[in-house]
């Protein structure tokens, strides 16, 4: 059985869409479909991932501040440099049209629009956001279409259906893995991830020969196969003494020996609120999650910062999405990506 668009569904959703057209979904500062192509002299695009960033006259925190940009604004950059002025843990800066900005809260983004898929396998399929920001909507017979979460580039979500939504265009139904609710995003903003893209890596290596070491002082992690390095990269571990949530667990990444015990291709992290407030602590669609501590500490992809090499998290090990995806495929227990949760005694993790 597949969840696909039928004529009956089309008429039903068309009536809902027409009822919701009075609500303008363009509530973001930047249209994610604008500027699919970069200006001829730009290298790429960035999204502001925090409340505000400062723009400096030179790539130096001691330089004159000549401007600011606020959360979720999209910025073009024209050069990526390693500044001799640091900071030491992350000297990556971007040259903008009007000055320089540090990379810490400027995750790179792209705008890729996708052809819709009209049949979704029973049980759903994972997909990633391919535009800087996609505003999701939830439908209620009492309130009509209401905005919900902002979904960000490289976040991953369970697509469980497809139908016609706002403006009579194909939209995907997403099922939240934490709250078990459904909401909708434009289908062209998501890329369905094919099964062959997430098959296990190096399954022929005996599981006990795969090991991981996380070095908190150096803010890096290394993956080994029988003592041979197969991945070495900078990461962001927990900030000691951080108390921004209601959890009772320490925010520093715990040290010791552990094992991967739960793998999820996507996890909604945060307080679990139904809210359109983008300042709320809600992180739907955290990708490629490999838990190794019972309190919920995991390796996972991170779409809200680009400050690897510095402590940034509530205890987890933040990684670049593509590197977290590689690790998720490589560690045991093995999974083909069709399961929402995979349990088992897996790859050994040592945190020093």
C-alpha atoms as a PDB file:
ATOM      1  CA  UNK A   1       0.000   0.000   0.000  1.00  0.00           C
ATOM      2  CA  UNK A   2       1.226   3.497  -0.849  1.00  0.00           C
ATOM      3  CA  UNK A   3       0.097   6.908   0.293  1.00  0.00           C
ATOM      4  CA  UNK A   4      -0.403   8.692  -3.010  1.00  0.00           C
ATOM      5  CA  UNK A   5      -2.551  11.442  -4.468  1.00  0.00           C
ATOM      6  CA  UNK A   6      -5.932  10.273  -5.727  1.00  0.00           C
ATOM      7  CA  UNK A   7      -8.631  12.378  -7.396  1.00  0.00           C
ATOM      8  CA  UNK A   8     -10.684  12.236  -4.197  1.00  0.00           C
ATOM      9  CA  UNK A   9      -7.721  13.343  -2.086  1.00  0.00           C
ATOM     10  CA  UNK A  10      -6.990  16.114  -4.554  1.00  0.00           C
ATOM     11  CA  UNK A  11     -10.511  17.526  -4.244  1.00  0.00           C
ATOM     12  CA  UNK A  12     -10.443  17.226  -0.467  1.00  0.00           C
ATOM     13  CA  UNK A  13      -7.096  18.943  -0.070  1.00  0.00           C
ATOM     14  CA  UNK A  14      -7.990  21.521  -2.709  1.00  0.00           C
ATOM     15  CA  UNK A  15     -10.922  22.662  -0.576  1.00  0.00           C
ATOM     16  CA  UNK A  16      -8.649  22.885   2.459  1.00  0.00           C
ATOM     17  CA  UNK A  17      -6.120  24.819   0.435  1.00  0.00           C
ATOM     18  CA  UNK A  18      -8.685  27.289  -0.834  1.00  0.00           C
ATOM     19  CA  UNK A  19      -9.819  27.843   2.727  1.00  0.00           C
ATOM     20  CA  UNK A  20      -6.280  28.593   3.734  1.00  0.00           C
ATOM     21  CA  UNK A  21      -5.351  30.923   0.925  1.00  0.00           C
ATOM     22  CA  UNK A  22      -6.377  33.923   3.011  1.00  0.00           C
ATOM     23  CA  UNK A  23      -3.377  33.130   5.185  1.00  0.00           C
ATOM     24  CA  UNK A  24      -0.171  34.269   3.543  1.00  0.00           C
ATOM     25  CA  UNK A  25       2.522  31.570   3.998  1.00  0.00           C
ATOM     26  CA  UNK A  26       5.299  33.995   3.050  1.00  0.00           C
ATOM     27  CA  UNK A  27       6.124  34.879   6.643  1.00  0.00           C
ATOM     28  CA  UNK A  28       9.875  34.536   6.249  1.00  0.00           C
ATOM     29  CA  UNK A  29      12.198  37.413   5.471  1.00  0.00           C
ATOM     30  CA  UNK A  30      13.711  35.477   2.582  1.00  0.00           C
ATOM     31  CA  UNK A  31      11.833  33.377   0.075  1.00  0.00           C
ATOM     32  CA  UNK A  32      13.634  29.971  -0.051  1.00  0.00           C
ATOM     33  CA  UNK A  33      12.923  29.802  -3.782  1.00  0.00           C
ATOM     34  CA  UNK A  34      14.533  33.112  -4.602  1.00  0.00           C
ATOM     35  CA  UNK A  35      18.056  33.236  -6.001  1.00  0.00           C
ATOM     36  CA  UNK A  36      18.323  29.582  -7.019  1.00  0.00           C
ATOM     37  CA  UNK A  37      21.472  30.685  -8.802  1.00  0.00           C
ATOM     38  CA  UNK A  38      24.230  32.663  -7.134  1.00  0.00           C
ATOM     39  CA  UNK A  39      25.393  36.085  -8.302  1.00  0.00           C
ATOM     40  CA  UNK A  40      28.241  35.577 -10.759  1.00  0.00           C
ATOM     41  CA  UNK A  41      30.952  36.627  -8.309  1.00  0.00           C
ATOM     42  CA  UNK A  42      29.578  34.881  -5.191  1.00  0.00           C
ATOM     43  CA  UNK A  43      30.907  31.527  -3.973  1.00  0.00           C
ATOM     44  CA  UNK A  44      27.989  30.430  -1.832  1.00  0.00           C
ATOM     45  CA  UNK A  45      25.207  31.243   0.632  1.00  0.00           C
ATOM     46  CA  UNK A  46      25.041  31.258   4.411  1.00  0.00           C
ATOM     47  CA  UNK A  47      22.179  31.343   6.912  1.00  0.00           C
ATOM     48  CA  UNK A  48      22.416  33.257  10.173  1.00  0.00           C
ATOM     49  CA  UNK A  49      21.913  30.566  12.818  1.00  0.00           C
ATOM     50  CA  UNK A  50      21.732  32.706  15.956  1.00  0.00           C
ATOM     51  CA  UNK A  51      19.903  35.826  17.121  1.00  0.00           C
ATOM     52  CA  UNK A  52      22.455  38.182  15.611  1.00  0.00           C
ATOM     53  CA  UNK A  53      25.939  38.165  14.137  1.00  0.00           C
ATOM     54  CA  UNK A  54      28.335  41.061  13.752  1.00  0.00           C
ATOM     55  CA  UNK A  55      30.088  42.085  10.552  1.00  0.00           C
ATOM     56  CA  UNK A  56      33.631  43.387  10.966  1.00  0.00           C
ATOM     57  CA  UNK A  57      35.784  45.644   8.820  1.00  0.00           C
ATOM     58  CA  UNK A  58      38.547  43.003   8.906  1.00  0.00           C
ATOM     59  CA  UNK A  59      38.545  39.243   9.721  1.00  0.00           C
ATOM     60  CA  UNK A  60      39.371  39.999  13.334  1.00  0.00           C
ATOM     61  CA  UNK A  61      37.128  40.187  16.415  1.00  0.00           C
ATOM     62  CA  UNK A  62      39.128  43.263  17.500  1.00  0.00           C
ATOM     63  CA  UNK A  63      38.270  45.071  14.267  1.00  0.00           C
ATOM     64  CA  UNK A  64      35.597  47.715  13.852  1.00  0.00           C
ATOM     65  CA  UNK A  65      31.999  46.446  13.776  1.00  0.00           C
ATOM     66  CA  UNK A  66      30.335  47.835  10.654  1.00  0.00           C
ATOM     67  CA  UNK A  67      27.033  45.961  10.621  1.00  0.00           C
ATOM     68  CA  UNK A  68      24.876  43.146  11.916  1.00  0.00           C
ATOM     69  CA  UNK A  69      22.642  40.441  10.495  1.00  0.00           C
ATOM     70  CA  UNK A  70      19.826  38.675  12.333  1.00  0.00           C
ATOM     71  CA  UNK A  71      18.571  35.117  12.608  1.00  0.00           C
ATOM     72  CA  UNK A  72      17.608  33.323   9.393  1.00  0.00           C
ATOM     73  CA  UNK A  73      18.808  36.035   7.055  1.00  0.00           C
ATOM     74  CA  UNK A  74      20.551  34.622   3.978  1.00  0.00           C
ATOM     75  CA  UNK A  75      23.969  36.072   3.138  1.00  0.00           C
ATOM     76  CA  UNK A  76      26.185  35.662   0.071  1.00  0.00           C
ATOM     77  CA  UNK A  77      29.896  35.200   0.579  1.00  0.00           C
ATOM     78  CA  UNK A  78      32.739  35.883  -1.806  1.00  0.00           C
ATOM     79  CA  UNK A  79      35.732  34.288  -0.120  1.00  0.00           C
ATOM     80  CA  UNK A  80      36.397  31.802   2.681  1.00  0.00           C
ATOM     81  CA  UNK A  81      39.593  32.431   4.603  1.00  0.00           C
ATOM     82  CA  UNK A  82      41.545  31.253   7.626  1.00  0.00           C
ATOM     83  CA  UNK A  83      42.369  34.441   9.485  1.00  0.00           C
ATOM     84  CA  UNK A  84      45.765  34.857  11.183  1.00  0.00           C
ATOM     85  CA  UNK A  85      43.813  36.716  13.880  1.00  0.00           C
ATOM     86  CA  UNK A  86      41.973  33.529  14.867  1.00  0.00           C
ATOM     87  CA  UNK A  87      40.255  32.577  17.019  1.00  0.00           C
ATOM     88  CA  UNK A  88      42.590  29.623  17.455  1.00  0.00           C
ATOM     89  CA  UNK A  89      39.907  26.934  17.719  1.00  0.00           C
ATOM     90  CA  UNK A  90      38.163  28.132  14.549  1.00  0.00           C
ATOM     91  CA  UNK A  91      39.870  30.678  12.320  1.00  0.00           C
ATOM     92  CA  UNK A  92      37.348  30.319   9.476  1.00  0.00           C
ATOM     93  CA  UNK A  93      35.904  33.648   8.265  1.00  0.00           C
ATOM     94  CA  UNK A  94      33.810  34.729   5.278  1.00  0.00           C
ATOM     95  CA  UNK A  95      34.294  37.818   3.147  1.00  0.00           C
ATOM     96  CA  UNK A  96      30.916  39.381   2.476  1.00  0.00           C
ATOM     97  CA  UNK A  97      30.025  42.273   0.201  1.00  0.00           C
ATOM     98  CA  UNK A  98      30.364  44.739   3.073  1.00  0.00           C
ATOM     99  CA  UNK A  99      32.958  43.196   5.386  1.00  0.00           C
ATOM    100  CA  UNK A 100      33.842  39.975   7.207  1.00  0.00           C
ATOM    101  CA  UNK A 101      31.900  37.578   9.427  1.00  0.00           C
ATOM    102  CA  UNK A 102      33.128  34.655  11.514  1.00  0.00           C
ATOM    103  CA  UNK A 103      31.804  31.247  10.498  1.00  0.00           C
ATOM    104  CA  UNK A 104      30.581  30.147  13.945  1.00  0.00           C
ATOM    105  CA  UNK A 105      26.869  30.756  13.372  1.00  0.00           C
ATOM    106  CA  UNK A 106      26.836  30.832   9.582  1.00  0.00           C
ATOM    107  CA  UNK A 107      26.082  27.316   8.339  1.00  0.00           C
ATOM    108  CA  UNK A 108      26.436  27.047   4.547  1.00  0.00           C
ATOM    109  CA  UNK A 109      23.169  26.527   2.658  1.00  0.00           C
ATOM    110  CA  UNK A 110      21.982  25.926  -0.891  1.00  0.00           C
ATOM    111  CA  UNK A 111      18.728  26.256  -2.808  1.00  0.00           C
ATOM    112  CA  UNK A 112      17.838  23.115  -4.733  1.00  0.00           C
ATOM    113  CA  UNK A 113      14.243  22.588  -5.863  1.00  0.00           C
ATOM    114  CA  UNK A 114      13.142  18.997  -6.415  1.00  0.00           C
ATOM    115  CA  UNK A 115      10.494  17.358  -8.599  1.00  0.00           C
ATOM    116  CA  UNK A 116       7.735  15.911  -6.368  1.00  0.00           C
ATOM    117  CA  UNK A 117       7.338  12.173  -5.853  1.00  0.00           C
ATOM    118  CA  UNK A 118       3.709  11.131  -5.878  1.00  0.00           C
ATOM    119  CA  UNK A 119       3.958   7.767  -4.115  1.00  0.00           C
ATOM    120  CA  UNK A 120       5.422   7.258  -0.650  1.00  0.00           C
ATOM    121  CA  UNK A 121       6.172   3.736   0.633  1.00  0.00           C
ATOM    122  CA  UNK A 122       4.029   2.505   3.490  1.00  0.00           C
ATOM    123  CA  UNK A 123       5.895   3.341   6.679  1.00  0.00           C
ATOM    124  CA  UNK A 124       7.381   6.448   5.115  1.00  0.00           C
ATOM    125  CA  UNK A 125      10.709   7.486   3.659  1.00  0.00           C
ATOM    126  CA  UNK A 126      13.357   9.853   4.970  1.00  0.00           C
ATOM    127  CA  UNK A 127      14.061  13.073   3.120  1.00  0.00           C
ATOM    128  CA  UNK A 128      16.250  16.125   3.597  1.00  0.00           C
ATOM    129  CA  UNK A 129      15.489  19.812   3.271  1.00  0.00           C
ATOM    130  CA  UNK A 130      17.329  21.278   0.260  1.00  0.00           C
ATOM    131  CA  UNK A 131      16.515  24.974   0.666  1.00  0.00           C
ATOM    132  CA  UNK A 132      17.823  27.343   3.360  1.00  0.00           C
ATOM    133  CA  UNK A 133      14.472  27.472   5.213  1.00  0.00           C
ATOM    134  CA  UNK A 134      11.124  25.793   4.638  1.00  0.00           C
ATOM    135  CA  UNK A 135       8.215  26.897   6.801  1.00  0.00           C
ATOM    136  CA  UNK A 136       6.000  23.955   7.748  1.00  0.00           C
ATOM    137  CA  UNK A 137       2.243  24.186   8.294  1.00  0.00           C
ATOM    138  CA  UNK A 138      -0.279  22.203  10.278  1.00  0.00           C
ATOM    139  CA  UNK A 139      -3.967  22.001   9.334  1.00  0.00           C
ATOM    140  CA  UNK A 140      -6.858  22.140  11.785  1.00  0.00           C
ATOM    141  CA  UNK A 141     -10.564  22.223  10.978  1.00  0.00           C
ATOM    142  CA  UNK A 142     -10.953  24.992  13.567  1.00  0.00           C
ATOM    143  CA  UNK A 143      -8.058  27.257  12.565  1.00  0.00           C
ATOM    144  CA  UNK A 144      -7.178  26.170   9.025  1.00  0.00           C
ATOM    145  CA  UNK A 145      -3.542  26.311   7.972  1.00  0.00           C
ATOM    146  CA  UNK A 146      -1.249  27.480  10.755  1.00  0.00           C
ATOM    147  CA  UNK A 147       2.552  27.882  10.579  1.00  0.00           C
ATOM    148  CA  UNK A 148       4.598  25.497  12.695  1.00  0.00           C
ATOM    149  CA  UNK A 149       8.339  24.801  12.636  1.00  0.00           C
ATOM    150  CA  UNK A 150      10.966  26.322  10.404  1.00  0.00           C
ATOM    151  CA  UNK A 151      12.795  23.404   8.811  1.00  0.00           C
ATOM    152  CA  UNK A 152      16.383  24.060   7.846  1.00  0.00           C
ATOM    153  CA  UNK A 153      18.816  22.984   5.150  1.00  0.00           C
ATOM    154  CA  UNK A 154      20.240  19.478   5.744  1.00  0.00           C
ATOM    155  CA  UNK A 155      17.669  18.601   8.403  1.00  0.00           C
ATOM    156  CA  UNK A 156      16.063  15.185   7.830  1.00  0.00           C
ATOM    157  CA  UNK A 157      12.415  14.185   8.268  1.00  0.00           C
ATOM    158  CA  UNK A 158      10.031  11.255   7.815  1.00  0.00           C
ATOM    159  CA  UNK A 159       7.804  11.773   4.787  1.00  0.00           C
ATOM    160  CA  UNK A 160       4.637   9.725   5.253  1.00  0.00           C
ATOM    161  CA  UNK A 161       2.339  11.088   2.568  1.00  0.00           C
ATOM    162  CA  UNK A 162       1.888  13.464  -0.331  1.00  0.00           C
ATOM    163  CA  UNK A 163      -1.055  15.618  -1.322  1.00  0.00           C
ATOM    164  CA  UNK A 164      -2.016  19.043  -2.590  1.00  0.00           C
ATOM    165  CA  UNK A 165      -1.695  21.769  -0.002  1.00  0.00           C
ATOM    166  CA  UNK A 166      -1.453  25.542   0.143  1.00  0.00           C
ATOM    167  CA  UNK A 167      -1.607  27.151  -3.322  1.00  0.00           C
ATOM    168  CA  UNK A 168      -2.610  23.789  -4.850  1.00  0.00           C
ATOM    169  CA  UNK A 169       0.956  22.549  -5.208  1.00  0.00           C
ATOM    170  CA  UNK A 170       2.272  19.146  -4.047  1.00  0.00           C
ATOM    171  CA  UNK A 171       3.182  19.091  -0.369  1.00  0.00           C
ATOM    172  CA  UNK A 172       4.668  16.274   1.708  1.00  0.00           C
ATOM    173  CA  UNK A 173       3.139  15.116   4.951  1.00  0.00           C
ATOM    174  CA  UNK A 174       5.784  14.775   7.667  1.00  0.00           C
ATOM    175  CA  UNK A 175       5.288  12.681  10.795  1.00  0.00           C
ATOM    176  CA  UNK A 176       7.222  13.989  13.788  1.00  0.00           C
ATOM    177  CA  UNK A 177       9.190  11.197  15.439  1.00  0.00           C
ATOM    178  CA  UNK A 178       8.877  12.739  18.918  1.00  0.00           C
ATOM    179  CA  UNK A 179       5.362  14.196  19.054  1.00  0.00           C
ATOM    180  CA  UNK A 180       3.764  11.775  16.520  1.00  0.00           C
ATOM    181  CA  UNK A 181       1.910  14.662  14.878  1.00  0.00           C
ATOM    182  CA  UNK A 182       1.770  15.421  11.166  1.00  0.00           C
ATOM    183  CA  UNK A 183       2.510  18.647   9.363  1.00  0.00           C
ATOM    184  CA  UNK A 184       3.226  19.709   5.795  1.00  0.00           C
ATOM    185  CA  UNK A 185       5.976  21.281   3.679  1.00  0.00           C
ATOM    186  CA  UNK A 186       6.257  21.983  -0.068  1.00  0.00           C
ATOM    187  CA  UNK A 187       7.432  18.829  -1.821  1.00  0.00           C
ATOM    188  CA  UNK A 188       9.933  20.764  -3.931  1.00  0.00           C
ATOM    189  CA  UNK A 189      11.809  21.759  -0.781  1.00  0.00           C
ATOM    190  CA  UNK A 190      12.707  18.140   0.055  1.00  0.00           C
ATOM    191  CA  UNK A 191      14.807  15.397  -1.513  1.00  0.00           C
ATOM    192  CA  UNK A 192      13.734  11.843  -0.811  1.00  0.00           C
ATOM    193  CA  UNK A 193      16.828   9.865   0.190  1.00  0.00           C
ATOM    194  CA  UNK A 194      17.113   6.615  -1.797  1.00  0.00           C
ATOM    195  CA  UNK A 195      17.871   3.419   0.165  1.00  0.00           C
ATOM    196  CA  UNK A 196      21.177   2.849  -1.630  1.00  0.00           C
ATOM    197  CA  UNK A 197      22.474   6.152  -0.252  1.00  0.00           C
ATOM    198  CA  UNK A 198      22.295   4.964   3.353  1.00  0.00           C
ATOM    199  CA  UNK A 199      23.454   1.350   3.167  1.00  0.00           C
ATOM    200  CA  UNK A 200      25.995   0.242   5.822  1.00  0.00           C
ATOM    201  CA  UNK A 201      29.636   1.183   5.247  1.00  0.00           C
ATOM    202  CA  UNK A 202      32.316  -1.514   5.647  1.00  0.00           C
ATOM    203  CA  UNK A 203      29.906  -4.203   6.928  1.00  0.00           C
ATOM    204  CA  UNK A 204      32.606  -6.800   6.224  1.00  0.00           C
ATOM    205  CA  UNK A 205      34.767  -5.406   9.058  1.00  0.00           C
ATOM    206  CA  UNK A 206      34.160  -7.407  12.277  1.00  0.00           C
ATOM    207  CA  UNK A 207      32.202  -5.123  14.644  1.00  0.00           C
ATOM    208  CA  UNK A 208      34.780  -5.358  17.441  1.00  0.00           C
ATOM    209  CA  UNK A 209      37.427  -3.893  15.120  1.00  0.00           C
ATOM    210  CA  UNK A 210      35.463  -0.665  14.673  1.00  0.00           C
ATOM    211  CA  UNK A 211      36.194   1.868  17.432  1.00  0.00           C
ATOM    212  CA  UNK A 212      35.741   5.616  17.987  1.00  0.00           C
ATOM    213  CA  UNK A 213      37.694   8.039  20.156  1.00  0.00           C
ATOM    214  CA  UNK A 214      36.443  11.525  21.064  1.00  0.00           C
ATOM    215  CA  UNK A 215      39.031  13.957  22.426  1.00  0.00           C
ATOM    216  CA  UNK A 216      37.319  16.722  24.390  1.00  0.00           C
ATOM    217  CA  UNK A 217      40.420  18.877  24.813  1.00  0.00           C
ATOM    218  CA  UNK A 218      41.216  18.798  21.102  1.00  0.00           C
ATOM    219  CA  UNK A 219      37.539  18.820  20.056  1.00  0.00           C
ATOM    220  CA  UNK A 220      37.934  16.066  17.506  1.00  0.00           C
ATOM    221  CA  UNK A 221      36.908  12.491  16.906  1.00  0.00           C
ATOM    222  CA  UNK A 222      38.650   9.610  15.188  1.00  0.00           C
ATOM    223  CA  UNK A 223      37.125   6.410  13.814  1.00  0.00           C
ATOM    224  CA  UNK A 224      39.320   3.324  13.465  1.00  0.00           C
ATOM    225  CA  UNK A 225      39.134   0.005  11.678  1.00  0.00           C
ATOM    226  CA  UNK A 226      41.525  -2.406  13.376  1.00  0.00           C
ATOM    227  CA  UNK A 227      43.658   0.546  14.462  1.00  0.00           C
ATOM    228  CA  UNK A 228      43.636   2.251  11.042  1.00  0.00           C
ATOM    229  CA  UNK A 229      42.137   5.750  10.859  1.00  0.00           C
ATOM    230  CA  UNK A 230      39.131   5.917   8.516  1.00  0.00           C
ATOM    231  CA  UNK A 231      37.718   9.270   9.671  1.00  0.00           C
ATOM    232  CA  UNK A 232      39.293  12.119  11.629  1.00  0.00           C
ATOM    233  CA  UNK A 233      37.480  15.425  12.009  1.00  0.00           C
ATOM    234  CA  UNK A 234      36.801  18.304  14.356  1.00  0.00           C
ATOM    235  CA  UNK A 235      33.556  18.209  16.366  1.00  0.00           C
ATOM    236  CA  UNK A 236      31.734  20.197  19.033  1.00  0.00           C
ATOM    237  CA  UNK A 237      31.111  18.544  22.390  1.00  0.00           C
ATOM    238  CA  UNK A 238      29.114  19.707  25.407  1.00  0.00           C
ATOM    239  CA  UNK A 239      29.557  23.033  27.181  1.00  0.00           C
ATOM    240  CA  UNK A 240      30.156  22.294  30.891  1.00  0.00           C
ATOM    241  CA  UNK A 241      27.670  24.000  33.212  1.00  0.00           C
ATOM    242  CA  UNK A 242      25.165  24.848  30.500  1.00  0.00           C
ATOM    243  CA  UNK A 243      21.655  24.976  31.970  1.00  0.00           C
ATOM    244  CA  UNK A 244      19.383  26.014  29.117  1.00  0.00           C
ATOM    245  CA  UNK A 245      16.898  23.129  29.315  1.00  0.00           C
ATOM    246  CA  UNK A 246      14.797  21.391  31.932  1.00  0.00           C
ATOM    247  CA  UNK A 247      16.952  18.273  31.911  1.00  0.00           C
ATOM    248  CA  UNK A 248      18.766  17.278  35.086  1.00  0.00           C
ATOM    249  CA  UNK A 249      21.758  15.772  33.272  1.00  0.00           C
ATOM    250  CA  UNK A 250      25.148  17.515  33.076  1.00  0.00           C
ATOM    251  CA  UNK A 251      25.730  19.360  29.826  1.00  0.00           C
ATOM    252  CA  UNK A 252      29.382  18.301  29.534  1.00  0.00           C
ATOM    253  CA  UNK A 253      29.974  15.291  27.304  1.00  0.00           C
ATOM    254  CA  UNK A 254      30.671  12.393  29.715  1.00  0.00           C
ATOM    255  CA  UNK A 255      34.072  10.741  29.645  1.00  0.00           C
ATOM    256  CA  UNK A 256      34.661   6.999  29.669  1.00  0.00           C
ATOM    257  CA  UNK A 257      33.956   3.916  27.577  1.00  0.00           C
ATOM    258  CA  UNK A 258      30.560   3.443  25.936  1.00  0.00           C
ATOM    259  CA  UNK A 259      28.891   1.688  23.027  1.00  0.00           C
ATOM    260  CA  UNK A 260      26.557   2.883  20.315  1.00  0.00           C
ATOM    261  CA  UNK A 261      23.193   1.522  21.472  1.00  0.00           C
ATOM    262  CA  UNK A 262      20.489   3.328  19.467  1.00  0.00           C
ATOM    263  CA  UNK A 263      20.555   4.681  15.921  1.00  0.00           C
ATOM    264  CA  UNK A 264      17.918   6.945  14.376  1.00  0.00           C
ATOM    265  CA  UNK A 265      18.105   8.620  10.968  1.00  0.00           C
ATOM    266  CA  UNK A 266      16.227  11.578  12.423  1.00  0.00           C
ATOM    267  CA  UNK A 267      15.349  12.820  15.904  1.00  0.00           C
ATOM    268  CA  UNK A 268      13.313  15.806  17.079  1.00  0.00           C
ATOM    269  CA  UNK A 269      15.356  17.255  19.937  1.00  0.00           C
ATOM    270  CA  UNK A 270      14.285  20.029  22.288  1.00  0.00           C
ATOM    271  CA  UNK A 271      11.381  20.702  24.621  1.00  0.00           C
ATOM    272  CA  UNK A 272       8.679  19.142  22.449  1.00  0.00           C
ATOM    273  CA  UNK A 273       6.530  22.253  22.024  1.00  0.00           C
ATOM    274  CA  UNK A 274       4.047  22.836  19.224  1.00  0.00           C
ATOM    275  CA  UNK A 275       5.132  26.345  18.323  1.00  0.00           C
ATOM    276  CA  UNK A 276       6.000  28.600  15.416  1.00  0.00           C
ATOM    277  CA  UNK A 277       8.351  30.608  17.659  1.00  0.00           C
ATOM    278  CA  UNK A 278      11.739  30.111  16.044  1.00  0.00           C
ATOM    279  CA  UNK A 279      13.423  31.244  19.271  1.00  0.00           C
ATOM    280  CA  UNK A 280      11.996  28.236  21.139  1.00  0.00           C
ATOM    281  CA  UNK A 281      14.310  25.315  21.930  1.00  0.00           C
ATOM    282  CA  UNK A 282      12.972  23.050  19.204  1.00  0.00           C
ATOM    283  CA  UNK A 283      15.220  21.168  16.803  1.00  0.00           C
ATOM    284  CA  UNK A 284      13.036  18.985  14.572  1.00  0.00           C
ATOM    285  CA  UNK A 285      14.857  16.878  12.026  1.00  0.00           C
ATOM    286  CA  UNK A 286      18.257  16.468  13.721  1.00  0.00           C
ATOM    287  CA  UNK A 287      19.951  14.080  11.271  1.00  0.00           C
ATOM    288  CA  UNK A 288      21.951  10.862  11.584  1.00  0.00           C
ATOM    289  CA  UNK A 289      21.772  10.267  15.317  1.00  0.00           C
ATOM    290  CA  UNK A 290      23.918   7.592  16.983  1.00  0.00           C
ATOM    291  CA  UNK A 291      23.286   7.451  20.749  1.00  0.00           C
ATOM    292  CA  UNK A 292      26.016   6.105  23.026  1.00  0.00           C
ATOM    293  CA  UNK A 293      25.009   7.243  26.547  1.00  0.00           C
ATOM    294  CA  UNK A 294      21.705   6.337  28.204  1.00  0.00           C
ATOM    295  CA  UNK A 295      21.014   9.956  29.124  1.00  0.00           C
ATOM    296  CA  UNK A 296      20.639  10.766  25.412  1.00  0.00           C
ATOM    297  CA  UNK A 297      24.171  11.751  24.413  1.00  0.00           C
ATOM    298  CA  UNK A 298      24.753  11.060  20.723  1.00  0.00           C
ATOM    299  CA  UNK A 299      26.752  11.810  17.624  1.00  0.00           C
ATOM    300  CA  UNK A 300      24.532  13.733  15.221  1.00  0.00           C
ATOM    301  CA  UNK A 301      24.532  16.151  12.332  1.00  0.00           C
ATOM    302  CA  UNK A 302      24.127  19.834  13.177  1.00  0.00           C
ATOM    303  CA  UNK A 303      22.423  22.377  10.942  1.00  0.00           C
ATOM    304  CA  UNK A 304      22.403  25.394  13.296  1.00  0.00           C
ATOM    305  CA  UNK A 305      26.105  26.242  13.585  1.00  0.00           C
ATOM    306  CA  UNK A 306      29.467  25.801  11.874  1.00  0.00           C
ATOM    307  CA  UNK A 307      31.775  26.185  14.857  1.00  0.00           C
ATOM    308  CA  UNK A 308      33.384  22.761  14.992  1.00  0.00           C
ATOM    309  CA  UNK A 309      36.512  22.660  17.091  1.00  0.00           C
ATOM    310  CA  UNK A 310      34.772  24.451  19.967  1.00  0.00           C
ATOM    311  CA  UNK A 311      32.373  23.250  22.681  1.00  0.00           C
ATOM    312  CA  UNK A 312      28.830  24.064  21.548  1.00  0.00           C
ATOM    313  CA  UNK A 313      26.306  21.441  22.663  1.00  0.00           C
ATOM    314  CA  UNK A 314      24.161  20.328  25.593  1.00  0.00           C
ATOM    315  CA  UNK A 315      26.272  17.166  25.817  1.00  0.00           C
ATOM    316  CA  UNK A 316      26.071  15.568  22.387  1.00  0.00           C
ATOM    317  CA  UNK A 317      28.865  15.395  19.843  1.00  0.00           C
ATOM    318  CA  UNK A 318      27.931  17.813  17.061  1.00  0.00           C
ATOM    319  CA  UNK A 319      29.174  16.910  13.585  1.00  0.00           C
ATOM    320  CA  UNK A 320      28.837  18.230  10.060  1.00  0.00           C
ATOM    321  CA  UNK A 321      25.746  16.564   8.560  1.00  0.00           C
ATOM    322  CA  UNK A 322      27.626  14.642   5.864  1.00  0.00           C
ATOM    323  CA  UNK A 323      30.220  13.350   8.348  1.00  0.00           C
ATOM    324  CA  UNK A 324      27.502  12.360  10.822  1.00  0.00           C
ATOM    325  CA  UNK A 325      25.760  10.515   7.995  1.00  0.00           C
ATOM    326  CA  UNK A 326      28.947   8.627   7.159  1.00  0.00           C
ATOM    327  CA  UNK A 327      29.445   7.705  10.806  1.00  0.00           C
ATOM    328  CA  UNK A 328      25.793   6.635  11.173  1.00  0.00           C
ATOM    329  CA  UNK A 329      26.208   4.268   8.226  1.00  0.00           C
ATOM    330  CA  UNK A 330      29.561   2.967   9.482  1.00  0.00           C
ATOM    331  CA  UNK A 331      28.841   2.219  13.148  1.00  0.00           C
ATOM    332  CA  UNK A 332      26.969  -0.818  14.381  1.00  0.00           C
ATOM    333  CA  UNK A 333      24.256  -1.920  14.975  1.00  0.00           C
ATOM    334  CA  UNK A 334      23.627  -2.021  11.242  1.00  0.00           C
ATOM    335  CA  UNK A 335      20.487  -0.603   9.676  1.00  0.00           C
ATOM    336  CA  UNK A 336      19.257  -0.013   6.144  1.00  0.00           C
ATOM    337  CA  UNK A 337      17.566   3.258   7.076  1.00  0.00           C
ATOM    338  CA  UNK A 338      13.989   1.994   6.811  1.00  0.00           C
ATOM    339  CA  UNK A 339      13.601   1.682  10.587  1.00  0.00           C
ATOM    340  CA  UNK A 340      12.874   4.699  12.730  1.00  0.00           C
ATOM    341  CA  UNK A 341      14.879   3.183  15.598  1.00  0.00           C
ATOM    342  CA  UNK A 342      17.597   0.512  15.577  1.00  0.00           C
ATOM    343  CA  UNK A 343      18.733  -0.932  18.922  1.00  0.00           C
ATOM    344  CA  UNK A 344      21.672  -3.133  19.854  1.00  0.00           C
ATOM    345  CA  UNK A 345      25.110  -3.277  21.417  1.00  0.00           C
ATOM    346  CA  UNK A 346      27.226  -1.511  18.836  1.00  0.00           C
ATOM    347  CA  UNK A 347      30.514   0.209  18.129  1.00  0.00           C
ATOM    348  CA  UNK A 348      32.711   1.069  21.100  1.00  0.00           C
ATOM    349  CA  UNK A 349      33.153   4.784  21.882  1.00  0.00           C
ATOM    350  CA  UNK A 350      35.876   6.153  24.156  1.00  0.00           C
ATOM    351  CA  UNK A 351      35.651   9.781  25.310  1.00  0.00           C
ATOM    352  CA  UNK A 352      38.836  11.218  26.802  1.00  0.00           C
END
